Amino acid sequence: MTHRKAALINCPTCGKEQVWSADNPWRPFCSERCRLIDFGAWANEEHSIPVDPELDEFD
């Protein structure tokens, strides 16, 4: 019988190591609190996805 090792990841907000599991409803975060902190940062435009300004203009 082959056993798979559980994948360990770090929470993007607090860095706490955790097992990547379908049992965690907040993954990749460790908790709802960390998920909400990250969501708030996006809402406040503290995070953004870089874009190429040349691709943003129409000819």
C-alpha atoms as a PDB file:
ATOM      1  CA  MET A   1       0.000   0.000   0.000  1.00  0.00           C
ATOM      2  CA  THR A   2       1.367   3.424  -0.983  1.00  0.00           C
ATOM      3  CA  HIS A   3       0.932   6.342   1.402  1.00  0.00           C
ATOM      4  CA  ARG A   4       1.112   9.851   0.058  1.00  0.00           C
ATOM      5  CA  LYS A   5       2.810  12.491   2.150  1.00  0.00           C
ATOM      6  CA  ALA A   6       0.554  15.363   3.082  1.00  0.00           C
ATOM      7  CA  ALA A   7       1.589  18.614   1.407  1.00  0.00           C
ATOM      8  CA  LEU A   8       2.686  21.292   3.853  1.00  0.00           C
ATOM      9  CA  ILE A   9       2.149  24.942   2.932  1.00  0.00           C
ATOM     10  CA  ASN A  10       2.637  28.247   4.688  1.00  0.00           C
ATOM     11  CA  CYS A  11      -0.334  30.542   5.230  1.00  0.00           C
ATOM     12  CA  PRO A  12       0.111  33.537   2.873  1.00  0.00           C
ATOM     13  CA  THR A  13      -0.886  35.933   5.676  1.00  0.00           C
ATOM     14  CA  CYS A  14       0.808  34.729   8.862  1.00  0.00           C
ATOM     15  CA  GLY A  15       3.237  32.125   7.529  1.00  0.00           C
ATOM     16  CA  LYS A  16       1.974  29.358   9.838  1.00  0.00           C
ATOM     17  CA  GLU A  17       2.770  25.923   8.392  1.00  0.00           C
ATOM     18  CA  GLN A  18      -0.237  23.717   7.787  1.00  0.00           C
ATOM     19  CA  VAL A  19      -1.348  20.642   5.897  1.00  0.00           C
ATOM     20  CA  TRP A  20      -3.011  21.312   2.531  1.00  0.00           C
ATOM     21  CA  SER A  21      -6.322  19.559   3.061  1.00  0.00           C
ATOM     22  CA  ALA A  22      -9.888  19.649   1.798  1.00  0.00           C
ATOM     23  CA  ASP A  23     -10.839  19.664   5.492  1.00  0.00           C
ATOM     24  CA  ASN A  24      -9.629  23.276   5.744  1.00  0.00           C
ATOM     25  CA  PRO A  25     -12.387  25.506   4.321  1.00  0.00           C
ATOM     26  CA  TRP A  26     -10.040  28.544   4.299  1.00  0.00           C
ATOM     27  CA  ARG A  27      -7.121  27.044   2.382  1.00  0.00           C
ATOM     28  CA  PRO A  28      -4.593  28.296   1.432  1.00  0.00           C
ATOM     29  CA  PHE A  29      -5.049  30.329   4.621  1.00  0.00           C
ATOM     30  CA  CYS A  30      -4.849  28.780   8.073  1.00  0.00           C
ATOM     31  CA  SER A  31      -8.000  30.466   9.375  1.00  0.00           C
ATOM     32  CA  GLU A  32     -10.915  32.676   8.477  1.00  0.00           C
ATOM     33  CA  ARG A  33      -9.104  35.566  10.181  1.00  0.00           C
ATOM     34  CA  CYS A  34      -6.106  35.285   7.845  1.00  0.00           C
ATOM     35  CA  ARG A  35      -8.415  34.979   4.830  1.00  0.00           C
ATOM     36  CA  LEU A  36     -10.240  38.175   5.838  1.00  0.00           C
ATOM     37  CA  ILE A  37      -6.988  40.055   6.425  1.00  0.00           C
ATOM     38  CA  ASP A  38      -5.887  39.155   2.881  1.00  0.00           C
ATOM     39  CA  PHE A  39      -9.289  40.087   1.431  1.00  0.00           C
ATOM     40  CA  GLY A  40      -9.107  43.469   3.189  1.00  0.00           C
ATOM     41  CA  ALA A  41      -5.668  44.124   1.712  1.00  0.00           C
ATOM     42  CA  TRP A  42      -7.017  43.482  -1.803  1.00  0.00           C
ATOM     43  CA  ALA A  43     -10.074  45.682  -1.102  1.00  0.00           C
ATOM     44  CA  ASN A  44      -7.789  48.509   0.080  1.00  0.00           C
ATOM     45  CA  GLU A  45      -5.686  48.061  -3.075  1.00  0.00           C
ATOM     46  CA  GLU A  46      -2.616  47.102  -1.015  1.00  0.00           C
ATOM     47  CA  HIS A  47      -2.224  44.119  -3.377  1.00  0.00           C
ATOM     48  CA  SER A  48      -2.457  44.307  -7.137  1.00  0.00           C
ATOM     49  CA  ILE A  49      -1.669  42.261 -10.200  1.00  0.00           C
ATOM     50  CA  PRO A  50       0.967  43.977 -12.348  1.00  0.00           C
ATOM     51  CA  VAL A  51      -0.044  44.751 -15.919  1.00  0.00           C
ATOM     52  CA  ASP A  52       1.810  45.940 -18.982  1.00  0.00           C
ATOM     53  CA  PRO A  53       0.476  49.447 -19.771  1.00  0.00           C
ATOM     54  CA  GLU A  54       1.072  48.905 -23.501  1.00  0.00           C
ATOM     55  CA  LEU A  55      -1.414  46.034 -23.477  1.00  0.00           C
ATOM     56  CA  ASP A  56      -3.991  48.214 -21.729  1.00  0.00           C
ATOM     57  CA  GLU A  57      -4.342  50.678 -24.618  1.00  0.00           C
ATOM     58  CA  PHE A  58      -6.422  50.166 -27.745  1.00  0.00           C
ATOM     59  CA  ASP A  59      -5.162  51.258 -31.164  1.00  0.00           C
END
